[in-house]
Amino acid sequence: MLVTNQHSLSDAEDFSEGYRASKLGKIVGEPTGGWIIFTSGTTLLDGSTLRLPTSTIRSTRDGKVMEMNPRPVDVPVTRPVGESYTEHDVQLDTAVKELLGEVGKQP
């Protein structure tokens, strides 16, 4: 079981794609942010820095560009505003419930 949300970026995008392609289990939560692209940095004359895109990342399943295309979830669960300030996590609770349901299906 994998839990993602809109704050899951970059390598989490790639990980989610590989997890789904490898059929390792369900993805629970919210779609990822859709931010995955390789960049390199360069320093400008005034000392500031600039990031430049260098490579496009494509889905292994359909060849679609992954940048600006969030990785989908199998079980959508949105955390209510302010829940992160409590001890409750509805996404994690849902993932555990899904796992327990799968364990119950085992012969």
PDB file of N, CA and C in Angstrom:
ATOM      1  N   MET A   1       0.856  -1.161   0.000  1.00  0.00           N
ATOM      2  CA  MET A   1       0.000   0.000   0.000  1.00  0.00           C
ATOM      3  C   MET A   1       0.905   1.228   0.000  1.00  0.00           C
ATOM      4  N   LEU A   2       0.585   2.161  -0.862  1.00  0.00           N
ATOM      5  CA  LEU A   2       1.347   3.406  -0.966  1.00  0.00           C
ATOM      6  C   LEU A   2       0.401   4.571  -0.705  1.00  0.00           C
ATOM      7  N   VAL A   3       0.835   5.530   0.109  1.00  0.00           N
ATOM      8  CA  VAL A   3       0.040   6.717   0.404  1.00  0.00           C
ATOM      9  C   VAL A   3       0.734   7.920  -0.222  1.00  0.00           C
ATOM     10  N   THR A   4      -0.004   8.678  -1.047  1.00  0.00           N
ATOM     11  CA  THR A   4       0.540   9.884  -1.673  1.00  0.00           C
ATOM     12  C   THR A   4      -0.433  11.041  -1.481  1.00  0.00           C
ATOM     13  N   ASN A   5       0.071  12.253  -1.749  1.00  0.00           N
ATOM     14  CA  ASN A   5      -0.797  13.426  -1.751  1.00  0.00           C
ATOM     15  C   ASN A   5      -0.200  14.476  -2.684  1.00  0.00           C
ATOM     16  N   GLN A   6      -0.803  15.644  -2.725  1.00  0.00           N
ATOM     17  CA  GLN A   6      -0.378  16.692  -3.643  1.00  0.00           C
ATOM     18  C   GLN A   6       1.001  17.239  -3.302  1.00  0.00           C
ATOM     19  N   HIS A   7       1.536  16.890  -2.124  1.00  0.00           N
ATOM     20  CA  HIS A   7       2.873  17.326  -1.735  1.00  0.00           C
ATOM     21  C   HIS A   7       3.938  16.296  -2.119  1.00  0.00           C
ATOM     22  N   SER A   8       3.508  15.173  -2.706  1.00  0.00           N
ATOM     23  CA  SER A   8       4.439  14.142  -3.171  1.00  0.00           C
ATOM     24  C   SER A   8       4.944  14.572  -4.547  1.00  0.00           C
ATOM     25  N   LEU A   9       6.207  14.985  -4.607  1.00  0.00           N
ATOM     26  CA  LEU A   9       6.765  15.557  -5.834  1.00  0.00           C
ATOM     27  C   LEU A   9       8.028  14.816  -6.265  1.00  0.00           C
ATOM     28  N   SER A  10       8.493  15.117  -7.450  1.00  0.00           N
ATOM     29  CA  SER A  10       9.782  14.692  -7.965  1.00  0.00           C
ATOM     30  C   SER A  10       9.966  13.175  -7.908  1.00  0.00           C
ATOM     31  N   ASP A  11      10.837  12.691  -7.024  1.00  0.00           N
ATOM     32  CA  ASP A  11      11.082  11.250  -6.961  1.00  0.00           C
ATOM     33  C   ASP A  11       9.836  10.478  -6.540  1.00  0.00           C
ATOM     34  N   ALA A  12       8.959  11.108  -5.774  1.00  0.00           N
ATOM     35  CA  ALA A  12       7.718  10.444  -5.379  1.00  0.00           C
ATOM     36  C   ALA A  12       6.831  10.198  -6.594  1.00  0.00           C
ATOM     37  N   GLU A  13       6.922  11.062  -7.592  1.00  0.00           N
ATOM     38  CA  GLU A  13       6.170  10.869  -8.839  1.00  0.00           C
ATOM     39  C   GLU A  13       6.676   9.608  -9.541  1.00  0.00           C
ATOM     40  N   ASP A  14       8.000   9.517  -9.658  1.00  0.00           N
ATOM     41  CA  ASP A  14       8.638   8.382 -10.314  1.00  0.00           C
ATOM     42  C   ASP A  14       8.369   7.091  -9.536  1.00  0.00           C
ATOM     43  N   PHE A  15       8.462   7.171  -8.207  1.00  0.00           N
ATOM     44  CA  PHE A  15       8.210   6.006  -7.365  1.00  0.00           C
ATOM     45  C   PHE A  15       6.776   5.517  -7.547  1.00  0.00           C
ATOM     46  N   SER A  16       5.815   6.447  -7.547  1.00  0.00           N
ATOM     47  CA  SER A  16       4.406   6.078  -7.732  1.00  0.00           C
ATOM     48  C   SER A  16       4.187   5.406  -9.073  1.00  0.00           C
ATOM     49  N   GLU A  17       4.831   5.926 -10.098  1.00  0.00           N
ATOM     50  CA  GLU A  17       4.705   5.345 -11.440  1.00  0.00           C
ATOM     51  C   GLU A  17       5.256   3.923 -11.464  1.00  0.00           C
ATOM     52  N   GLY A  18       6.420   3.711 -10.870  1.00  0.00           N
ATOM     53  CA  GLY A  18       7.016   2.380 -10.821  1.00  0.00           C
ATOM     54  C   GLY A  18       6.212   1.420  -9.966  1.00  0.00           C
ATOM     55  N   TYR A  19       5.676   1.912  -8.869  1.00  0.00           N
ATOM     56  CA  TYR A  19       4.849   1.104  -7.969  1.00  0.00           C
ATOM     57  C   TYR A  19       3.631   0.577  -8.720  1.00  0.00           C
ATOM     58  N   ARG A  20       2.985   1.471  -9.469  1.00  0.00           N
ATOM     59  CA  ARG A  20       1.805   1.070 -10.240  1.00  0.00           C
ATOM     60  C   ARG A  20       2.175   0.120 -11.379  1.00  0.00           C
ATOM     61  N   ALA A  21       3.245   0.435 -12.098  1.00  0.00           N
ATOM     62  CA  ALA A  21       3.667  -0.400 -13.232  1.00  0.00           C
ATOM     63  C   ALA A  21       4.066  -1.799 -12.766  1.00  0.00           C
ATOM     64  N   SER A  22       4.630  -1.896 -11.563  1.00  0.00           N
ATOM     65  CA  SER A  22       5.052  -3.190 -11.016  1.00  0.00           C
ATOM     66  C   SER A  22       3.912  -3.937 -10.333  1.00  0.00           C
ATOM     67  N   LYS A  23       2.741  -3.304 -10.277  1.00  0.00           N
ATOM     68  CA  LYS A  23       1.551  -3.909  -9.667  1.00  0.00           C
ATOM     69  C   LYS A  23       1.822  -4.372  -8.229  1.00  0.00           C
ATOM     70  N   LEU A  24       2.452  -3.482  -7.439  1.00  0.00           N
ATOM     71  CA  LEU A  24       2.812  -3.827  -6.063  1.00  0.00           C
ATOM     72  C   LEU A  24       1.667  -3.637  -5.079  1.00  0.00           C
ATOM     73  N   GLY A  25       0.641  -2.905  -5.458  1.00  0.00           N
ATOM     74  CA  GLY A  25      -0.490  -2.693  -4.565  1.00  0.00           C
ATOM     75  C   GLY A  25      -1.229  -1.422  -4.921  1.00  0.00           C
ATOM     76  N   LYS A  26      -2.180  -1.073  -4.064  1.00  0.00           N
ATOM     77  CA  LYS A  26      -2.998   0.111  -4.293  1.00  0.00           C
ATOM     78  C   LYS A  26      -2.270   1.374  -3.847  1.00  0.00           C
ATOM     79  N   ILE A  27      -2.661   2.491  -4.466  1.00  0.00           N
ATOM     80  CA  ILE A  27      -2.182   3.809  -4.053  1.00  0.00           C
ATOM     81  C   ILE A  27      -3.369   4.541  -3.437  1.00  0.00           C
ATOM     82  N   VAL A  28      -3.179   5.012  -2.209  1.00  0.00           N
ATOM     83  CA  VAL A  28      -4.236   5.645  -1.428  1.00  0.00           C
ATOM     84  C   VAL A  28      -3.891   7.112  -1.198  1.00  0.00           C
ATOM     85  N   GLY A  29      -4.878   7.974  -1.178  1.00  0.00           N
ATOM     86  CA  GLY A  29      -4.674   9.378  -0.829  1.00  0.00           C
ATOM     87  C   GLY A  29      -5.113  10.314  -1.931  1.00  0.00           C
ATOM     88  N   GLU A  30      -4.223  11.241  -2.269  1.00  0.00           N
ATOM     89  CA  GLU A  30      -4.493  12.233  -3.308  1.00  0.00           C
ATOM     90  C   GLU A  30      -3.451  12.092  -4.415  1.00  0.00           C
ATOM     91  N   PRO A  31      -3.797  12.450  -5.648  1.00  0.00           N
ATOM     92  CA  PRO A  31      -2.801  12.406  -6.719  1.00  0.00           C
ATOM     93  C   PRO A  31      -1.574  13.251  -6.365  1.00  0.00           C
ATOM     94  N   THR A  32      -0.431  12.835  -6.878  1.00  0.00           N
ATOM     95  CA  THR A  32       0.805  13.585  -6.644  1.00  0.00           C
ATOM     96  C   THR A  32       0.712  14.956  -7.288  1.00  0.00           C
ATOM     97  N   GLY A  33       1.703  15.801  -7.051  1.00  0.00           N
ATOM     98  CA  GLY A  33       1.670  17.176  -7.535  1.00  0.00           C
ATOM     99  C   GLY A  33       1.893  17.344  -9.031  1.00  0.00           C
ATOM    100  N   GLY A  34       2.462  16.346  -9.693  1.00  0.00           N
ATOM    101  CA  GLY A  34       2.716  16.469 -11.126  1.00  0.00           C
ATOM    102  C   GLY A  34       3.977  17.257 -11.441  1.00  0.00           C
ATOM    103  N   TRP A  35       4.916  17.258 -10.522  1.00  0.00           N
ATOM    104  CA  TRP A  35       6.167  17.998 -10.721  1.00  0.00           C
ATOM    105  C   TRP A  35       7.323  17.020 -10.795  1.00  0.00           C
ATOM    106  N   ILE A  36       7.697  16.628 -11.985  1.00  0.00           N
ATOM    107  CA  ILE A  36       8.864  15.755 -12.142  1.00  0.00           C
ATOM    108  C   ILE A  36       9.582  16.124 -13.436  1.00  0.00           C
ATOM    109  N   ILE A  37      10.748  16.671 -13.285  1.00  0.00           N
ATOM    110  CA  ILE A  37      11.576  17.018 -14.433  1.00  0.00           C
ATOM    111  C   ILE A  37      13.002  17.174 -13.909  1.00  0.00           C
ATOM    112  N   PHE A  38      13.962  16.722 -14.666  1.00  0.00           N
ATOM    113  CA  PHE A  38      15.354  16.887 -14.251  1.00  0.00           C
ATOM    114  C   PHE A  38      15.818  18.290 -14.605  1.00  0.00           C
ATOM    115  N   THR A  39      16.522  18.908 -13.661  1.00  0.00           N
ATOM    116  CA  THR A  39      17.051  20.253 -13.886  1.00  0.00           C
ATOM    117  C   THR A  39      18.523  20.292 -13.508  1.00  0.00           C
ATOM    118  N   SER A  40      19.202  21.294 -13.998  1.00  0.00           N
ATOM    119  CA  SER A  40      20.574  21.555 -13.571  1.00  0.00           C
ATOM    120  C   SER A  40      20.638  23.022 -13.169  1.00  0.00           C
ATOM    121  N   GLY A  41      21.588  23.346 -12.316  1.00  0.00           N
ATOM    122  CA  GLY A  41      21.711  24.718 -11.845  1.00  0.00           C
ATOM    123  C   GLY A  41      22.857  25.446 -12.509  1.00  0.00           C
ATOM    124  N   THR A  42      22.696  26.744 -12.617  1.00  0.00           N
ATOM    125  CA  THR A  42      23.765  27.587 -13.134  1.00  0.00           C
ATOM    126  C   THR A  42      23.794  28.876 -12.317  1.00  0.00           C
ATOM    127  N   THR A  43      24.974  29.419 -12.134  1.00  0.00           N
ATOM    128  CA  THR A  43      25.121  30.656 -11.374  1.00  0.00           C
ATOM    129  C   THR A  43      25.217  31.831 -12.341  1.00  0.00           C
ATOM    130  N   LEU A  44      24.442  32.866 -12.082  1.00  0.00           N
ATOM    131  CA  LEU A  44      24.446  34.064 -12.921  1.00  0.00           C
ATOM    132  C   LEU A  44      25.548  35.026 -12.460  1.00  0.00           C
ATOM    133  N   LEU A  45      25.829  36.038 -13.253  1.00  0.00           N
ATOM    134  CA  LEU A  45      26.903  36.987 -12.951  1.00  0.00           C
ATOM    135  C   LEU A  45      26.738  37.674 -11.605  1.00  0.00           C
ATOM    136  N   ASP A  46      25.498  37.912 -11.186  1.00  0.00           N
ATOM    137  CA  ASP A  46      25.275  38.601  -9.909  1.00  0.00           C
ATOM    138  C   ASP A  46      25.312  37.654  -8.709  1.00  0.00           C
ATOM    139  N   GLY A  47      25.604  36.379  -8.945  1.00  0.00           N
ATOM    140  CA  GLY A  47      25.704  35.397  -7.873  1.00  0.00           C
ATOM    141  C   GLY A  47      24.422  34.625  -7.618  1.00  0.00           C
ATOM    142  N   SER A  48      23.319  35.055  -8.204  1.00  0.00           N
ATOM    143  CA  SER A  48      22.075  34.311  -8.028  1.00  0.00           C
ATOM    144  C   SER A  48      22.133  33.028  -8.871  1.00  0.00           C
ATOM    145  N   THR A  49      21.243  32.109  -8.587  1.00  0.00           N
ATOM    146  CA  THR A  49      21.236  30.846  -9.322  1.00  0.00           C
ATOM    147  C   THR A  49      19.935  30.674 -10.085  1.00  0.00           C
ATOM    148  N   LEU A  50      20.009  29.830 -11.082  1.00  0.00           N
ATOM    149  CA  LEU A  50      18.869  29.560 -11.950  1.00  0.00           C
ATOM    150  C   LEU A  50      18.839  28.072 -12.232  1.00  0.00           C
ATOM    151  N   ARG A  51      17.663  27.455 -12.153  1.00  0.00           N
ATOM    152  CA  ARG A  51      17.506  26.040 -12.489  1.00  0.00           C
ATOM    153  C   ARG A  51      16.988  25.948 -13.919  1.00  0.00           C
ATOM    154  N   LEU A  52      17.603  25.078 -14.715  1.00  0.00           N
ATOM    155  CA  LEU A  52      17.214  24.900 -16.100  1.00  0.00           C
ATOM    156  C   LEU A  52      16.776  23.457 -16.348  1.00  0.00           C
ATOM    157  N   PRO A  53      15.643  23.256 -17.011  1.00  0.00           N
ATOM    158  CA  PRO A  53      15.212  21.881 -17.306  1.00  0.00           C
ATOM    159  C   PRO A  53      16.192  21.212 -18.266  1.00  0.00           C
ATOM    160  N   THR A  54      16.472  19.931 -17.995  1.00  0.00           N
ATOM    161  CA  THR A  54      17.417  19.201 -18.852  1.00  0.00           C
ATOM    162  C   THR A  54      16.822  17.960 -19.486  1.00  0.00           C
ATOM    163  N   SER A  55      15.884  17.300 -18.799  1.00  0.00           N
ATOM    164  CA  SER A  55      15.321  16.052 -19.321  1.00  0.00           C
ATOM    165  C   SER A  55      13.836  15.963 -19.005  1.00  0.00           C
ATOM    166  N   THR A  56      13.102  15.397 -19.914  1.00  0.00           N
ATOM    167  CA  THR A  56      11.677  15.156 -19.716  1.00  0.00           C
ATOM    168  C   THR A  56      11.499  13.718 -19.254  1.00  0.00           C
ATOM    169  N   ILE A  57      10.637  13.504 -18.287  1.00  0.00           N
ATOM    170  CA  ILE A  57      10.357  12.162 -17.768  1.00  0.00           C
ATOM    171  C   ILE A  57       9.028  11.704 -18.353  1.00  0.00           C
ATOM    172  N   ARG A  58       9.027  10.481 -18.887  1.00  0.00           N
ATOM    173  CA  ARG A  58       7.818   9.918 -19.493  1.00  0.00           C
ATOM    174  C   ARG A  58       7.376   8.672 -18.740  1.00  0.00           C
ATOM    175  N   SER A  59       6.084   8.425 -18.757  1.00  0.00           N
ATOM    176  CA  SER A  59       5.502   7.243 -18.132  1.00  0.00           C
ATOM    177  C   SER A  59       5.973   5.995 -18.857  1.00  0.00           C
ATOM    178  N   THR A  60       6.265   4.944 -18.101  1.00  0.00           N
ATOM    179  CA  THR A  60       6.656   3.678 -18.724  1.00  0.00           C
ATOM    180  C   THR A  60       5.449   2.955 -19.309  1.00  0.00           C
ATOM    181  N   ARG A  61       4.263   3.282 -18.805  1.00  0.00           N
ATOM    182  CA  ARG A  61       3.056   2.597 -19.267  1.00  0.00           C
ATOM    183  C   ARG A  61       2.567   3.106 -20.612  1.00  0.00           C
ATOM    184  N   ASP A  62       2.546   4.442 -20.792  1.00  0.00           N
ATOM    185  CA  ASP A  62       1.950   4.982 -22.016  1.00  0.00           C
ATOM    186  C   ASP A  62       2.826   6.009 -22.731  1.00  0.00           C
ATOM    187  N   GLY A  63       4.007   6.277 -22.214  1.00  0.00           N
ATOM    188  CA  GLY A  63       4.914   7.233 -22.849  1.00  0.00           C
ATOM    189  C   GLY A  63       4.518   8.684 -22.678  1.00  0.00           C
ATOM    190  N   LYS A  64       3.487   8.957 -21.899  1.00  0.00           N
ATOM    191  CA  LYS A  64       2.999  10.314 -21.668  1.00  0.00           C
ATOM    192  C   LYS A  64       3.975  11.087 -20.786  1.00  0.00           C
ATOM    193  N   VAL A  65       4.168  12.359 -21.085  1.00  0.00           N
ATOM    194  CA  VAL A  65       5.021  13.212 -20.260  1.00  0.00           C
ATOM    195  C   VAL A  65       4.422  13.284 -18.860  1.00  0.00           C
ATOM    196  N   MET A  66       5.242  13.041 -17.822  1.00  0.00           N
ATOM    197  CA  MET A  66       4.738  13.022 -16.453  1.00  0.00           C
ATOM    198  C   MET A  66       4.653  14.414 -15.830  1.00  0.00           C
ATOM    199  N   GLU A  67       5.460  15.356 -16.295  1.00  0.00           N
ATOM    200  CA  GLU A  67       5.412  16.725 -15.779  1.00  0.00           C
ATOM    201  C   GLU A  67       4.019  17.306 -16.024  1.00  0.00           C
ATOM    202  N   MET A  68       3.431  17.872 -14.999  1.00  0.00           N
ATOM    203  CA  MET A  68       2.093  18.476 -15.038  1.00  0.00           C
ATOM    204  C   MET A  68       0.983  17.431 -15.220  1.00  0.00           C
ATOM    205  N   ASN A  69       1.310  16.161 -14.998  1.00  0.00           N
ATOM    206  CA  ASN A  69       0.336  15.076 -15.051  1.00  0.00           C
ATOM    207  C   ASN A  69       0.465  14.260 -13.767  1.00  0.00           C
ATOM    208  N   PRO A  70      -0.250  14.664 -12.715  1.00  0.00           N
ATOM    209  CA  PRO A  70      -0.144  13.972 -11.437  1.00  0.00           C
ATOM    210  C   PRO A  70      -0.393  12.472 -11.569  1.00  0.00           C
ATOM    211  N   ARG A  71       0.299  11.692 -10.756  1.00  0.00           N
ATOM    212  CA  ARG A  71       0.091  10.245 -10.725  1.00  0.00           C
ATOM    213  C   ARG A  71      -1.206   9.976  -9.981  1.00  0.00           C
ATOM    214  N   PRO A  72      -2.085   9.163 -10.562  1.00  0.00           N
ATOM    215  CA  PRO A  72      -3.404   8.926  -9.970  1.00  0.00           C
ATOM    216  C   PRO A  72      -3.344   7.999  -8.753  1.00  0.00           C
ATOM    217  N   VAL A  73      -4.448   7.958  -8.020  1.00  0.00           N
ATOM    218  CA  VAL A  73      -4.589   7.054  -6.877  1.00  0.00           C
ATOM    219  C   VAL A  73      -5.692   6.047  -7.179  1.00  0.00           C
ATOM    220  N   ASP A  74      -5.662   4.922  -6.474  1.00  0.00           N
ATOM    221  CA  ASP A  74      -6.708   3.904  -6.616  1.00  0.00           C
ATOM    222  C   ASP A  74      -7.839   4.131  -5.617  1.00  0.00           C
ATOM    223  N   VAL A  75      -7.476   4.650  -4.433  1.00  0.00           N
ATOM    224  CA  VAL A  75      -8.459   4.924  -3.388  1.00  0.00           C
ATOM    225  C   VAL A  75      -8.310   6.392  -3.002  1.00  0.00           C
ATOM    226  N   PRO A  76      -9.160   7.267  -3.554  1.00  0.00           N
ATOM    227  CA  PRO A  76      -9.034   8.700  -3.248  1.00  0.00           C
ATOM    228  C   PRO A  76      -9.489   9.037  -1.826  1.00  0.00           C
ATOM    229  N   VAL A  77      -8.620   9.732  -1.086  1.00  0.00           N
ATOM    230  CA  VAL A  77      -8.931  10.175   0.269  1.00  0.00           C
ATOM    231  C   VAL A  77      -8.274  11.542   0.465  1.00  0.00           C
ATOM    232  N   THR A  78      -9.068  12.543   0.751  1.00  0.00           N
ATOM    233  CA  THR A  78      -8.556  13.888   0.994  1.00  0.00           C
ATOM    234  C   THR A  78      -8.540  14.157   2.489  1.00  0.00           C
ATOM    235  N   ARG A  79      -7.413  14.629   2.989  1.00  0.00           N
ATOM    236  CA  ARG A  79      -7.334  14.990   4.402  1.00  0.00           C
ATOM    237  C   ARG A  79      -8.056  16.318   4.626  1.00  0.00           C
ATOM    238  N   PRO A  80      -8.900  16.385   5.640  1.00  0.00           N
ATOM    239  CA  PRO A  80      -9.592  17.642   5.945  1.00  0.00           C
ATOM    240  C   PRO A  80      -8.587  18.725   6.354  1.00  0.00           C
ATOM    241  N   VAL A  81      -8.912  19.968   6.047  1.00  0.00           N
ATOM    242  CA  VAL A  81      -8.064  21.090   6.429  1.00  0.00           C
ATOM    243  C   VAL A  81      -7.877  21.082   7.941  1.00  0.00           C
ATOM    244  N   GLY A  82      -6.643  21.222   8.380  1.00  0.00           N
ATOM    245  CA  GLY A  82      -6.330  21.272   9.799  1.00  0.00           C
ATOM    246  C   GLY A  82      -6.064  19.926  10.434  1.00  0.00           C
ATOM    247  N   GLU A  83      -6.332  18.836   9.731  1.00  0.00           N
ATOM    248  CA  GLU A  83      -6.122  17.517  10.312  1.00  0.00           C
ATOM    249  C   GLU A  83      -4.649  17.269  10.651  1.00  0.00           C
ATOM    250  N   SER A  84      -3.745  17.881   9.916  1.00  0.00           N
ATOM    251  CA  SER A  84      -2.320  17.674  10.173  1.00  0.00           C
ATOM    252  C   SER A  84      -1.895  18.228  11.540  1.00  0.00           C
ATOM    253  N   TYR A  85      -2.731  19.043  12.151  1.00  0.00           N
ATOM    254  CA  TYR A  85      -2.442  19.572  13.486  1.00  0.00           C
ATOM    255  C   TYR A  85      -2.990  18.667  14.585  1.00  0.00           C
ATOM    256  N   THR A  86      -3.602  17.559  14.195  1.00  0.00           N
ATOM    257  CA  THR A  86      -4.145  16.601  15.164  1.00  0.00           C
ATOM    258  C   THR A  86      -3.336  15.312  15.089  1.00  0.00           C
ATOM    259  N   GLU A  87      -3.729  14.330  15.867  1.00  0.00           N
ATOM    260  CA  GLU A  87      -3.066  13.028  15.838  1.00  0.00           C
ATOM    261  C   GLU A  87      -3.758  12.075  14.866  1.00  0.00           C
ATOM    262  N   HIS A  88      -4.709  12.563  14.101  1.00  0.00           N
ATOM    263  CA  HIS A  88      -5.494  11.733  13.193  1.00  0.00           C
ATOM    264  C   HIS A  88      -4.982  11.891  11.768  1.00  0.00           C
ATOM    265  N   ASP A  89      -5.008  10.811  10.984  1.00  0.00           N
ATOM    266  CA  ASP A  89      -4.620  10.860   9.568  1.00  0.00           C
ATOM    267  C   ASP A  89      -5.554   9.939   8.785  1.00  0.00           C
ATOM    268  N   VAL A  90      -6.573  10.519   8.169  1.00  0.00           N
ATOM    269  CA  VAL A  90      -7.592   9.737   7.476  1.00  0.00           C
ATOM    270  C   VAL A  90      -7.001   8.943   6.307  1.00  0.00           C
ATOM    271  N   GLN A  91      -5.948   9.460   5.666  1.00  0.00           N
ATOM    272  CA  GLN A  91      -5.326   8.726   4.563  1.00  0.00           C
ATOM    273  C   GLN A  91      -4.627   7.471   5.078  1.00  0.00           C
ATOM    274  N   LEU A  92      -3.882   7.598   6.155  1.00  0.00           N
ATOM    275  CA  LEU A  92      -3.198   6.443   6.738  1.00  0.00           C
ATOM    276  C   LEU A  92      -4.213   5.442   7.288  1.00  0.00           C
ATOM    277  N   ASP A  93      -5.259   5.933   7.943  1.00  0.00           N
ATOM    278  CA  ASP A  93      -6.310   5.044   8.452  1.00  0.00           C
ATOM    279  C   ASP A  93      -6.952   4.252   7.308  1.00  0.00           C
ATOM    280  N   THR A  94      -7.198   4.921   6.187  1.00  0.00           N
ATOM    281  CA  THR A  94      -7.805   4.257   5.032  1.00  0.00           C
ATOM    282  C   THR A  94      -6.858   3.213   4.455  1.00  0.00           C
ATOM    283  N   ALA A  95      -5.567   3.539   4.376  1.00  0.00           N
ATOM    284  CA  ALA A  95      -4.574   2.586   3.853  1.00  0.00           C
ATOM    285  C   ALA A  95      -4.520   1.339   4.734  1.00  0.00           C
ATOM    286  N   VAL A  96      -4.543   1.514   6.053  1.00  0.00           N
ATOM    287  CA  VAL A  96      -4.522   0.375   6.972  1.00  0.00           C
ATOM    288  C   VAL A  96      -5.784  -0.457   6.797  1.00  0.00           C
ATOM    289  N   LYS A  97      -6.932   0.202   6.671  1.00  0.00           N
ATOM    290  CA  LYS A  97      -8.199  -0.503   6.476  1.00  0.00           C
ATOM    291  C   LYS A  97      -8.173  -1.321   5.178  1.00  0.00           C
ATOM    292  N   GLU A  98      -7.603  -0.731   4.112  1.00  0.00           N
ATOM    293  CA  GLU A  98      -7.469  -1.440   2.830  1.00  0.00           C
ATOM    294  C   GLU A  98      -6.576  -2.677   2.991  1.00  0.00           C
ATOM    295  N   LEU A  99      -5.439  -2.502   3.670  1.00  0.00           N
ATOM    296  CA  LEU A  99      -4.518  -3.611   3.899  1.00  0.00           C
ATOM    297  C   LEU A  99      -5.177  -4.729   4.696  1.00  0.00           C
ATOM    298  N   LEU A 100      -5.869  -4.367   5.754  1.00  0.00           N
ATOM    299  CA  LEU A 100      -6.550  -5.377   6.574  1.00  0.00           C
ATOM    300  C   LEU A 100      -7.601  -6.102   5.752  1.00  0.00           C
ATOM    301  N   GLY A 101      -8.280  -5.385   4.849  1.00  0.00           N
ATOM    302  CA  GLY A 101      -9.251  -6.023   3.975  1.00  0.00           C
ATOM    303  C   GLY A 101      -8.594  -7.018   3.033  1.00  0.00           C
ATOM    304  N   GLU A 102      -7.393  -6.685   2.551  1.00  0.00           N
ATOM    305  CA  GLU A 102      -6.674  -7.602   1.662  1.00  0.00           C
ATOM    306  C   GLU A 102      -6.172  -8.829   2.421  1.00  0.00           C
ATOM    307  N   VAL A 103      -5.720  -8.640   3.642  1.00  0.00           N
ATOM    308  CA  VAL A 103      -5.248  -9.759   4.458  1.00  0.00           C
ATOM    309  C   VAL A 103      -6.406 -10.727   4.731  1.00  0.00           C
ATOM    310  N   GLY A 104      -7.600 -10.161   4.944  1.00  0.00           N
ATOM    311  CA  GLY A 104      -8.773 -10.987   5.185  1.00  0.00           C
ATOM    312  C   GLY A 104      -9.179 -11.824   3.992  1.00  0.00           C
ATOM    313  N   LYS A 105      -8.742 -11.431   2.787  1.00  0.00           N
ATOM    314  CA  LYS A 105      -9.085 -12.164   1.560  1.00  0.00           C
ATOM    315  C   LYS A 105      -8.141 -13.340   1.307  1.00  0.00           C
ATOM    316  N   GLN A 106      -7.046 -13.413   2.067  1.00  0.00           N
ATOM    317  CA  GLN A 106      -6.045 -14.460   1.860  1.00  0.00           C
ATOM    318  C   GLN A 106      -6.640 -15.820   2.261  1.00  0.00           C
ATOM    319  N   PRO A 107      -6.330 -16.889   1.474  1.00  0.00           N
ATOM    320  CA  PRO A 107      -6.854 -18.231   1.815  1.00  0.00           C
ATOM    321  C   PRO A 107      -6.195 -18.792   3.053  1.00  0.00           C
TER     322      PRO A 107
END
